[in-house]
Amino acid sequence: MVRFLVLYNTPEDPAAFDRHYREVHIPLTRKLPGLRRYAMGRHATAIRGGEPYYLIAELEWDDMAALQKAFQSPEGQATAQDVPTFASGGVRSMVYEVEEL
């Protein structure tokens, strides 16, 4: 399994961010081909210093090829292009393979 982790910093206008994320971005993201799981986390607490993230999104695919295919698709391009329209506080992301222990 491969996970795509998205970490959103606090936006300039949290209400506008939340509205756009729920009404526009989630519906776009749910259309990504091969998406197996989509979860988000709120109210993060920084344990070892630093500022907590405003919102955390976790997306999963079967493997790296499936993830790459999803983001090369028209749906993937639309989802990626949407992020700058609402993530005014900045965003970080990473992809990694998941190993269940």
PDB file of N, CA and C in Angstrom:
ATOM      1  N   MET A   1       0.839  -1.170   0.000  1.00  0.00           N
ATOM      2  CA  MET A   1       0.000   0.000   0.000  1.00  0.00           C
ATOM      3  C   MET A   1       0.888   1.237   0.000  1.00  0.00           C
ATOM      4  N   VAL A   2       0.394   2.305  -0.635  1.00  0.00           N
ATOM      5  CA  VAL A   2       1.108   3.572  -0.695  1.00  0.00           C
ATOM      6  C   VAL A   2       0.204   4.658  -0.138  1.00  0.00           C
ATOM      7  N   ARG A   3       0.779   5.525   0.677  1.00  0.00           N
ATOM      8  CA  ARG A   3       0.013   6.599   1.293  1.00  0.00           C
ATOM      9  C   ARG A   3       0.539   7.952   0.813  1.00  0.00           C
ATOM     10  N   PHE A   4      -0.384   8.839   0.529  1.00  0.00           N
ATOM     11  CA  PHE A   4      -0.088  10.225   0.183  1.00  0.00           C
ATOM     12  C   PHE A   4      -0.571  11.057   1.358  1.00  0.00           C
ATOM     13  N   LEU A   5       0.344  11.726   2.039  1.00  0.00           N
ATOM     14  CA  LEU A   5       0.041  12.507   3.229  1.00  0.00           C
ATOM     15  C   LEU A   5       0.129  13.988   2.877  1.00  0.00           C
ATOM     16  N   VAL A   6      -0.925  14.740   3.206  1.00  0.00           N
ATOM     17  CA  VAL A   6      -0.977  16.166   2.913  1.00  0.00           C
ATOM     18  C   VAL A   6      -1.144  16.914   4.229  1.00  0.00           C
ATOM     19  N   LEU A   7      -0.257  17.874   4.485  1.00  0.00           N
ATOM     20  CA  LEU A   7      -0.240  18.634   5.732  1.00  0.00           C
ATOM     21  C   LEU A   7      -0.503  20.104   5.417  1.00  0.00           C
ATOM     22  N   TYR A   8      -1.650  20.594   5.836  1.00  0.00           N
ATOM     23  CA  TYR A   8      -2.044  21.980   5.558  1.00  0.00           C
ATOM     24  C   TYR A   8      -1.728  22.865   6.761  1.00  0.00           C
ATOM     25  N   ASN A   9      -1.005  23.954   6.522  1.00  0.00           N
ATOM     26  CA  ASN A   9      -0.777  24.957   7.556  1.00  0.00           C
ATOM     27  C   ASN A   9      -2.058  25.758   7.760  1.00  0.00           C
ATOM     28  N   THR A  10      -2.112  26.516   8.846  1.00  0.00           N
ATOM     29  CA  THR A  10      -3.293  27.328   9.135  1.00  0.00           C
ATOM     30  C   THR A  10      -3.503  28.349   8.017  1.00  0.00           C
ATOM     31  N   PRO A  11      -4.677  28.349   7.407  1.00  0.00           N
ATOM     32  CA  PRO A  11      -4.956  29.276   6.303  1.00  0.00           C
ATOM     33  C   PRO A  11      -5.246  30.688   6.813  1.00  0.00           C
ATOM     34  N   GLU A  12      -5.173  31.641   5.903  1.00  0.00           N
ATOM     35  CA  GLU A  12      -5.483  33.031   6.240  1.00  0.00           C
ATOM     36  C   GLU A  12      -6.946  33.175   6.672  1.00  0.00           C
ATOM     37  N   ASP A  13      -7.836  32.450   6.024  1.00  0.00           N
ATOM     38  CA  ASP A  13      -9.267  32.512   6.326  1.00  0.00           C
ATOM     39  C   ASP A  13      -9.766  31.080   6.555  1.00  0.00           C
ATOM     40  N   PRO A  14      -9.725  30.603   7.800  1.00  0.00           N
ATOM     41  CA  PRO A  14     -10.115  29.221   8.074  1.00  0.00           C
ATOM     42  C   PRO A  14     -11.533  28.865   7.608  1.00  0.00           C
ATOM     43  N   ALA A  15     -12.476  29.772   7.743  1.00  0.00           N
ATOM     44  CA  ALA A  15     -13.854  29.476   7.323  1.00  0.00           C
ATOM     45  C   ALA A  15     -13.928  29.252   5.807  1.00  0.00           C
ATOM     46  N   ALA A  16     -13.232  30.093   5.048  1.00  0.00           N
ATOM     47  CA  ALA A  16     -13.212  29.935   3.590  1.00  0.00           C
ATOM     48  C   ALA A  16     -12.498  28.636   3.201  1.00  0.00           C
ATOM     49  N   PHE A  17     -11.399  28.332   3.887  1.00  0.00           N
ATOM     50  CA  PHE A  17     -10.679  27.077   3.647  1.00  0.00           C
ATOM     51  C   PHE A  17     -11.612  25.891   3.866  1.00  0.00           C
ATOM     52  N   ASP A  18     -12.270  25.861   5.018  1.00  0.00           N
ATOM     53  CA  ASP A  18     -13.145  24.737   5.354  1.00  0.00           C
ATOM     54  C   ASP A  18     -14.266  24.582   4.332  1.00  0.00           C
ATOM     55  N   ARG A  19     -14.865  25.682   3.944  1.00  0.00           N
ATOM     56  CA  ARG A  19     -15.962  25.640   2.973  1.00  0.00           C
ATOM     57  C   ARG A  19     -15.474  25.071   1.636  1.00  0.00           C
ATOM     58  N   HIS A  20     -14.356  25.602   1.144  1.00  0.00           N
ATOM     59  CA  HIS A  20     -13.827  25.135  -0.142  1.00  0.00           C
ATOM     60  C   HIS A  20     -13.383  23.667  -0.046  1.00  0.00           C
ATOM     61  N   TYR A  21     -12.730  23.320   1.040  1.00  0.00           N
ATOM     62  CA  TYR A  21     -12.245  21.946   1.188  1.00  0.00           C
ATOM     63  C   TYR A  21     -13.418  20.963   1.139  1.00  0.00           C
ATOM     64  N   ARG A  22     -14.474  21.256   1.864  1.00  0.00           N
ATOM     65  CA  ARG A  22     -15.630  20.344   1.923  1.00  0.00           C
ATOM     66  C   ARG A  22     -16.462  20.352   0.642  1.00  0.00           C
ATOM     67  N   GLU A  23     -16.685  21.531   0.075  1.00  0.00           N
ATOM     68  CA  GLU A  23     -17.595  21.646  -1.061  1.00  0.00           C
ATOM     69  C   GLU A  23     -16.936  21.385  -2.412  1.00  0.00           C
ATOM     70  N   VAL A  24     -15.625  21.644  -2.511  1.00  0.00           N
ATOM     71  CA  VAL A  24     -14.945  21.512  -3.802  1.00  0.00           C
ATOM     72  C   VAL A  24     -13.856  20.440  -3.767  1.00  0.00           C
ATOM     73  N   HIS A  25     -12.926  20.552  -2.811  1.00  0.00           N
ATOM     74  CA  HIS A  25     -11.750  19.686  -2.853  1.00  0.00           C
ATOM     75  C   HIS A  25     -12.057  18.223  -2.532  1.00  0.00           C
ATOM     76  N   ILE A  26     -12.860  17.968  -1.528  1.00  0.00           N
ATOM     77  CA  ILE A  26     -13.194  16.573  -1.221  1.00  0.00           C
ATOM     78  C   ILE A  26     -13.885  15.900  -2.404  1.00  0.00           C
ATOM     79  N   PRO A  27     -14.896  16.513  -3.022  1.00  0.00           N
ATOM     80  CA  PRO A  27     -15.507  15.867  -4.191  1.00  0.00           C
ATOM     81  C   PRO A  27     -14.520  15.615  -5.329  1.00  0.00           C
ATOM     82  N   LEU A  28     -13.584  16.548  -5.568  1.00  0.00           N
ATOM     83  CA  LEU A  28     -12.557  16.323  -6.597  1.00  0.00           C
ATOM     84  C   LEU A  28     -11.682  15.127  -6.233  1.00  0.00           C
ATOM     85  N   THR A  29     -11.219  15.105  -4.996  1.00  0.00           N
ATOM     86  CA  THR A  29     -10.304  14.066  -4.543  1.00  0.00           C
ATOM     87  C   THR A  29     -10.941  12.680  -4.594  1.00  0.00           C
ATOM     88  N   ARG A  30     -12.193  12.592  -4.238  1.00  0.00           N
ATOM     89  CA  ARG A  30     -12.879  11.293  -4.220  1.00  0.00           C
ATOM     90  C   ARG A  30     -13.012  10.679  -5.614  1.00  0.00           C
ATOM     91  N   LYS A  31     -12.796  11.479  -6.655  1.00  0.00           N
ATOM     92  CA  LYS A  31     -12.864  10.991  -8.038  1.00  0.00           C
ATOM     93  C   LYS A  31     -11.528  10.421  -8.532  1.00  0.00           C
ATOM     94  N   LEU A  32     -10.471  10.519  -7.719  1.00  0.00           N
ATOM     95  CA  LEU A  32      -9.162  10.021  -8.152  1.00  0.00           C
ATOM     96  C   LEU A  32      -9.233   8.520  -8.426  1.00  0.00           C
ATOM     97  N   PRO A  33      -8.804   8.093  -9.603  1.00  0.00           N
ATOM     98  CA  PRO A  33      -8.849   6.666  -9.930  1.00  0.00           C
ATOM     99  C   PRO A  33      -8.031   5.824  -8.952  1.00  0.00           C
ATOM    100  N   GLY A  34      -8.601   4.710  -8.526  1.00  0.00           N
ATOM    101  CA  GLY A  34      -7.890   3.752  -7.678  1.00  0.00           C
ATOM    102  C   GLY A  34      -7.784   4.128  -6.220  1.00  0.00           C
ATOM    103  N   LEU A  35      -8.337   5.260  -5.811  1.00  0.00           N
ATOM    104  CA  LEU A  35      -8.254   5.690  -4.423  1.00  0.00           C
ATOM    105  C   LEU A  35      -8.952   4.659  -3.533  1.00  0.00           C
ATOM    106  N   ARG A  36      -8.238   4.143  -2.537  1.00  0.00           N
ATOM    107  CA  ARG A  36      -8.767   3.115  -1.634  1.00  0.00           C
ATOM    108  C   ARG A  36      -9.283   3.700  -0.320  1.00  0.00           C
ATOM    109  N   ARG A  37      -8.628   4.751   0.135  1.00  0.00           N
ATOM    110  CA  ARG A  37      -8.989   5.324   1.444  1.00  0.00           C
ATOM    111  C   ARG A  37      -8.676   6.805   1.433  1.00  0.00           C
ATOM    112  N   TYR A  38      -9.558   7.583   2.046  1.00  0.00           N
ATOM    113  CA  TYR A  38      -9.358   9.024   2.157  1.00  0.00           C
ATOM    114  C   TYR A  38      -9.836   9.422   3.549  1.00  0.00           C
ATOM    115  N   ALA A  39      -8.922   9.898   4.373  1.00  0.00           N
ATOM    116  CA  ALA A  39      -9.268  10.306   5.735  1.00  0.00           C
ATOM    117  C   ALA A  39      -8.626  11.650   6.010  1.00  0.00           C
ATOM    118  N   MET A  40      -9.228  12.392   6.913  1.00  0.00           N
ATOM    119  CA  MET A  40      -8.618  13.656   7.298  1.00  0.00           C
ATOM    120  C   MET A  40      -8.598  13.782   8.806  1.00  0.00           C
ATOM    121  N   GLY A  41      -7.618  14.514   9.297  1.00  0.00           N
ATOM    122  CA  GLY A  41      -7.472  14.739  10.724  1.00  0.00           C
ATOM    123  C   GLY A  41      -7.488  16.227  11.020  1.00  0.00           C
ATOM    124  N   ARG A  42      -8.104  16.560  12.129  1.00  0.00           N
ATOM    125  CA  ARG A  42      -8.188  17.956  12.562  1.00  0.00           C
ATOM    126  C   ARG A  42      -7.744  18.043  14.020  1.00  0.00           C
ATOM    127  N   HIS A  43      -7.501  19.246  14.468  1.00  0.00           N
ATOM    128  CA  HIS A  43      -7.154  19.508  15.865  1.00  0.00           C
ATOM    129  C   HIS A  43      -5.872  18.775  16.280  1.00  0.00           C
ATOM    130  N   ALA A  44      -4.880  18.817  15.409  1.00  0.00           N
ATOM    131  CA  ALA A  44      -3.588  18.199  15.713  1.00  0.00           C
ATOM    132  C   ALA A  44      -2.907  18.957  16.848  1.00  0.00           C
ATOM    133  N   THR A  45      -2.150  18.255  17.630  1.00  0.00           N
ATOM    134  CA  THR A  45      -1.392  18.848  18.726  1.00  0.00           C
ATOM    135  C   THR A  45       0.084  18.531  18.516  1.00  0.00           C
ATOM    136  N   ALA A  46       0.910  19.563  18.492  1.00  0.00           N
ATOM    137  CA  ALA A  46       2.347  19.356  18.340  1.00  0.00           C
ATOM    138  C   ALA A  46       2.901  18.794  19.649  1.00  0.00           C
ATOM    139  N   ILE A  47       3.606  17.680  19.573  1.00  0.00           N
ATOM    140  CA  ILE A  47       4.148  17.030  20.760  1.00  0.00           C
ATOM    141  C   ILE A  47       5.590  17.457  21.020  1.00  0.00           C
ATOM    142  N   ARG A  48       6.387  17.566  19.976  1.00  0.00           N
ATOM    143  CA  ARG A  48       7.805  17.889  20.131  1.00  0.00           C
ATOM    144  C   ARG A  48       8.151  19.224  19.487  1.00  0.00           C
ATOM    145  N   GLY A  49       7.397  20.240  19.789  1.00  0.00           N
ATOM    146  CA  GLY A  49       7.684  21.569  19.266  1.00  0.00           C
ATOM    147  C   GLY A  49       7.083  21.804  17.900  1.00  0.00           C
ATOM    148  N   GLY A  50       7.171  23.024  17.467  1.00  0.00           N
ATOM    149  CA  GLY A  50       6.632  23.398  16.175  1.00  0.00           C
ATOM    150  C   GLY A  50       5.133  23.658  16.248  1.00  0.00           C
ATOM    151  N   GLU A  51       4.628  24.218  15.192  1.00  0.00           N
ATOM    152  CA  GLU A  51       3.208  24.524  15.114  1.00  0.00           C
ATOM    153  C   GLU A  51       2.447  23.307  14.595  1.00  0.00           C
ATOM    154  N   PRO A  52       1.280  23.047  15.137  1.00  0.00           N
ATOM    155  CA  PRO A  52       0.483  21.934  14.615  1.00  0.00           C
ATOM    156  C   PRO A  52      -0.101  22.301  13.253  1.00  0.00           C
ATOM    157  N   TYR A  53      -0.395  21.313  12.463  1.00  0.00           N
ATOM    158  CA  TYR A  53      -1.012  21.549  11.165  1.00  0.00           C
ATOM    159  C   TYR A  53      -2.502  21.795  11.357  1.00  0.00           C
ATOM    160  N   TYR A  54      -3.069  22.586  10.473  1.00  0.00           N
ATOM    161  CA  TYR A  54      -4.494  22.902  10.531  1.00  0.00           C
ATOM    162  C   TYR A  54      -5.341  21.687  10.139  1.00  0.00           C
ATOM    163  N   LEU A  55      -4.905  20.996   9.088  1.00  0.00           N
ATOM    164  CA  LEU A  55      -5.633  19.827   8.608  1.00  0.00           C
ATOM    165  C   LEU A  55      -4.641  18.836   8.017  1.00  0.00           C
ATOM    166  N   ILE A  56      -4.898  17.575   8.216  1.00  0.00           N
ATOM    167  CA  ILE A  56      -4.051  16.508   7.680  1.00  0.00           C
ATOM    168  C   ILE A  56      -4.947  15.590   6.851  1.00  0.00           C
ATOM    169  N   ALA A  57      -4.525  15.297   5.635  1.00  0.00           N
ATOM    170  CA  ALA A  57      -5.274  14.375   4.784  1.00  0.00           C
ATOM    171  C   ALA A  57      -4.397  13.166   4.476  1.00  0.00           C
ATOM    172  N   GLU A  58      -4.999  11.982   4.522  1.00  0.00           N
ATOM    173  CA  GLU A  58      -4.308  10.732   4.205  1.00  0.00           C
ATOM    174  C   GLU A  58      -5.073  10.044   3.089  1.00  0.00           C
ATOM    175  N   LEU A  59      -4.383   9.759   1.993  1.00  0.00           N
ATOM    176  CA  LEU A  59      -4.983   9.079   0.852  1.00  0.00           C
ATOM    177  C   LEU A  59      -4.172   7.830   0.571  1.00  0.00           C
ATOM    178  N   GLU A  60      -4.836   6.733   0.223  1.00  0.00           N
ATOM    179  CA  GLU A  60      -4.122   5.477   0.000  1.00  0.00           C
ATOM    180  C   GLU A  60      -4.507   4.822  -1.325  1.00  0.00           C
ATOM    181  N   TRP A  61      -3.492   4.218  -1.942  1.00  0.00           N
ATOM    182  CA  TRP A  61      -3.647   3.421  -3.153  1.00  0.00           C
ATOM    183  C   TRP A  61      -2.969   2.078  -2.946  1.00  0.00           C
ATOM    184  N   ASP A  62      -3.261   1.145  -3.838  1.00  0.00           N
ATOM    185  CA  ASP A  62      -2.679  -0.193  -3.734  1.00  0.00           C
ATOM    186  C   ASP A  62      -1.160  -0.183  -3.862  1.00  0.00           C
ATOM    187  N   ASP A  63      -0.636   0.644  -4.756  1.00  0.00           N
ATOM    188  CA  ASP A  63       0.805   0.684  -4.983  1.00  0.00           C
ATOM    189  C   ASP A  63       1.186   2.008  -5.635  1.00  0.00           C
ATOM    190  N   MET A  64       2.480   2.228  -5.808  1.00  0.00           N
ATOM    191  CA  MET A  64       2.981   3.486  -6.356  1.00  0.00           C
ATOM    192  C   MET A  64       2.493   3.705  -7.782  1.00  0.00           C
ATOM    193  N   ALA A  65       2.411   2.659  -8.571  1.00  0.00           N
ATOM    194  CA  ALA A  65       1.941   2.801  -9.952  1.00  0.00           C
ATOM    195  C   ALA A  65       0.500   3.313  -9.982  1.00  0.00           C
ATOM    196  N   ALA A  66      -0.332   2.825  -9.087  1.00  0.00           N
ATOM    197  CA  ALA A  66      -1.727   3.267  -9.029  1.00  0.00           C
ATOM    198  C   ALA A  66      -1.818   4.732  -8.618  1.00  0.00           C
ATOM    199  N   LEU A  67      -1.001   5.137  -7.652  1.00  0.00           N
ATOM    200  CA  LEU A  67      -0.979   6.540  -7.227  1.00  0.00           C
ATOM    201  C   LEU A  67      -0.529   7.435  -8.377  1.00  0.00           C
ATOM    202  N   GLN A  68       0.544   7.055  -9.055  1.00  0.00           N
ATOM    203  CA  GLN A  68       1.049   7.861 -10.163  1.00  0.00           C
ATOM    204  C   GLN A  68       0.020   7.969 -11.282  1.00  0.00           C
ATOM    205  N   LYS A  69      -0.659   6.879 -11.579  1.00  0.00           N
ATOM    206  CA  LYS A  69      -1.700   6.887 -12.604  1.00  0.00           C
ATOM    207  C   LYS A  69      -2.831   7.835 -12.203  1.00  0.00           C
ATOM    208  N   ALA A  70      -3.200   7.827 -10.924  1.00  0.00           N
ATOM    209  CA  ALA A  70      -4.266   8.696 -10.439  1.00  0.00           C
ATOM    210  C   ALA A  70      -3.916  10.166 -10.634  1.00  0.00           C
ATOM    211  N   PHE A  71      -2.684  10.560 -10.299  1.00  0.00           N
ATOM    212  CA  PHE A  71      -2.328  11.963 -10.391  1.00  0.00           C
ATOM    213  C   PHE A  71      -1.974  12.402 -11.806  1.00  0.00           C
ATOM    214  N   GLN A  72      -1.775  11.450 -12.718  1.00  0.00           N
ATOM    215  CA  GLN A  72      -1.578  11.789 -14.126  1.00  0.00           C
ATOM    216  C   GLN A  72      -2.915  11.905 -14.860  1.00  0.00           C
ATOM    217  N   SER A  73      -3.975  11.448 -14.246  1.00  0.00           N
ATOM    218  CA  SER A  73      -5.298  11.478 -14.859  1.00  0.00           C
ATOM    219  C   SER A  73      -5.858  12.902 -14.872  1.00  0.00           C
ATOM    220  N   PRO A  74      -6.884  13.170 -15.674  1.00  0.00           N
ATOM    221  CA  PRO A  74      -7.529  14.492 -15.633  1.00  0.00           C
ATOM    222  C   PRO A  74      -8.048  14.835 -14.240  1.00  0.00           C
ATOM    223  N   GLU A  75      -8.565  13.844 -13.526  1.00  0.00           N
ATOM    224  CA  GLU A  75      -9.045  14.072 -12.159  1.00  0.00           C
ATOM    225  C   GLU A  75      -7.893  14.456 -11.229  1.00  0.00           C
ATOM    226  N   GLY A  76      -6.759  13.810 -11.411  1.00  0.00           N
ATOM    227  CA  GLY A  76      -5.582  14.117 -10.605  1.00  0.00           C
ATOM    228  C   GLY A  76      -5.051  15.512 -10.883  1.00  0.00           C
ATOM    229  N   GLN A  77      -5.040  15.886 -12.146  1.00  0.00           N
ATOM    230  CA  GLN A  77      -4.588  17.230 -12.514  1.00  0.00           C
ATOM    231  C   GLN A  77      -5.522  18.290 -11.927  1.00  0.00           C
ATOM    232  N   ALA A  78      -6.833  18.048 -11.997  1.00  0.00           N
ATOM    233  CA  ALA A  78      -7.804  19.004 -11.439  1.00  0.00           C
ATOM    234  C   ALA A  78      -7.644  19.130  -9.930  1.00  0.00           C
ATOM    235  N   THR A  79      -7.416  18.008  -9.259  1.00  0.00           N
ATOM    236  CA  THR A  79      -7.239  18.026  -7.803  1.00  0.00           C
ATOM    237  C   THR A  79      -5.987  18.809  -7.425  1.00  0.00           C
ATOM    238  N   ALA A  80      -4.888  18.552  -8.107  1.00  0.00           N
ATOM    239  CA  ALA A  80      -3.631  19.257  -7.815  1.00  0.00           C
ATOM    240  C   ALA A  80      -3.752  20.753  -8.092  1.00  0.00           C
ATOM    241  N   GLN A  81      -4.421  21.115  -9.162  1.00  0.00           N
ATOM    242  CA  GLN A  81      -4.572  22.529  -9.519  1.00  0.00           C
ATOM    243  C   GLN A  81      -5.488  23.264  -8.552  1.00  0.00           C
ATOM    244  N   ASP A  82      -6.345  22.538  -7.856  1.00  0.00           N
ATOM    245  CA  ASP A  82      -7.259  23.170  -6.909  1.00  0.00           C
ATOM    246  C   ASP A  82      -6.556  23.617  -5.626  1.00  0.00           C
ATOM    247  N   VAL A  83      -5.515  22.917  -5.219  1.00  0.00           N
ATOM    248  CA  VAL A  83      -4.877  23.185  -3.922  1.00  0.00           C
ATOM    249  C   VAL A  83      -4.471  24.649  -3.740  1.00  0.00           C
ATOM    250  N   PRO A  84      -3.799  25.297  -4.684  1.00  0.00           N
ATOM    251  CA  PRO A  84      -3.405  26.695  -4.468  1.00  0.00           C
ATOM    252  C   PRO A  84      -4.590  27.655  -4.339  1.00  0.00           C
ATOM    253  N   THR A  85      -5.761  27.239  -4.759  1.00  0.00           N
ATOM    254  CA  THR A  85      -6.918  28.138  -4.694  1.00  0.00           C
ATOM    255  C   THR A  85      -7.472  28.298  -3.283  1.00  0.00           C
ATOM    256  N   PHE A  86      -7.096  27.397  -2.354  1.00  0.00           N
ATOM    257  CA  PHE A  86      -7.629  27.498  -0.994  1.00  0.00           C
ATOM    258  C   PHE A  86      -6.579  27.349   0.102  1.00  0.00           C
ATOM    259  N   ALA A  87      -5.420  26.793  -0.189  1.00  0.00           N
ATOM    260  CA  ALA A  87      -4.404  26.518   0.837  1.00  0.00           C
ATOM    261  C   ALA A  87      -3.478  27.717   1.015  1.00  0.00           C
ATOM    262  N   SER A  88      -4.048  28.832   1.469  1.00  0.00           N
ATOM    263  CA  SER A  88      -3.298  30.087   1.586  1.00  0.00           C
ATOM    264  C   SER A  88      -2.201  30.050   2.650  1.00  0.00           C
ATOM    265  N   GLY A  89      -2.283  29.129   3.592  1.00  0.00           N
ATOM    266  CA  GLY A  89      -1.271  29.038   4.640  1.00  0.00           C
ATOM    267  C   GLY A  89      -0.083  28.178   4.269  1.00  0.00           C
ATOM    268  N   GLY A  90      -0.150  27.541   3.111  1.00  0.00           N
ATOM    269  CA  GLY A  90       0.910  26.652   2.670  1.00  0.00           C
ATOM    270  C   GLY A  90       0.554  25.202   2.942  1.00  0.00           C
ATOM    271  N   VAL A  91       1.212  24.326   2.218  1.00  0.00           N
ATOM    272  CA  VAL A  91       0.918  22.904   2.314  1.00  0.00           C
ATOM    273  C   VAL A  91       2.198  22.116   2.068  1.00  0.00           C
ATOM    274  N   ARG A  92       2.331  21.005   2.763  1.00  0.00           N
ATOM    275  CA  ARG A  92       3.436  20.068   2.541  1.00  0.00           C
ATOM    276  C   ARG A  92       2.805  18.723   2.232  1.00  0.00           C
ATOM    277  N   SER A  93       3.510  17.919   1.476  1.00  0.00           N
ATOM    278  CA  SER A  93       2.988  16.588   1.178  1.00  0.00           C
ATOM    279  C   SER A  93       4.137  15.617   1.000  1.00  0.00           C
ATOM    280  N   MET A  94       3.821  14.345   1.167  1.00  0.00           N
ATOM    281  CA  MET A  94       4.815  13.300   0.971  1.00  0.00           C
ATOM    282  C   MET A  94       4.106  11.991   0.606  1.00  0.00           C
ATOM    283  N   VAL A  95       4.832  11.127  -0.040  1.00  0.00           N
ATOM    284  CA  VAL A  95       4.329   9.814  -0.441  1.00  0.00           C
ATOM    285  C   VAL A  95       5.249   8.775   0.182  1.00  0.00           C
ATOM    286  N   TYR A  96       4.650   7.712   0.700  1.00  0.00           N
ATOM    287  CA  TYR A  96       5.474   6.648   1.273  1.00  0.00           C
ATOM    288  C   TYR A  96       4.750   5.312   1.221  1.00  0.00           C
ATOM    289  N   GLU A  97       5.550   4.271   1.215  1.00  0.00           N
ATOM    290  CA  GLU A  97       5.002   2.918   1.246  1.00  0.00           C
ATOM    291  C   GLU A  97       4.666   2.564   2.699  1.00  0.00           C
ATOM    292  N   VAL A  98       3.561   1.878   2.873  1.00  0.00           N
ATOM    293  CA  VAL A  98       3.098   1.497   4.213  1.00  0.00           C
ATOM    294  C   VAL A  98       3.410   0.024   4.445  1.00  0.00           C
ATOM    295  N   GLU A  99       3.976  -0.255   5.582  1.00  0.00           N
ATOM    296  CA  GLU A  99       4.248  -1.632   5.984  1.00  0.00           C
ATOM    297  C   GLU A  99       3.477  -1.904   7.269  1.00  0.00           C
ATOM    298  N   GLU A 100       2.521  -2.811   7.195  1.00  0.00           N
ATOM    299  CA  GLU A 100       1.749  -3.178   8.382  1.00  0.00           C
ATOM    300  C   GLU A 100       2.613  -4.062   9.269  1.00  0.00           C
ATOM    301  N   LEU A 101       2.647  -3.783  10.546  1.00  0.00           N
ATOM    302  CA  LEU A 101       3.464  -4.552  11.489  1.00  0.00           C
ATOM    303  C   LEU A 101       2.577  -5.299  12.477  1.00  0.00           C
TER     304      LEU A 101
END
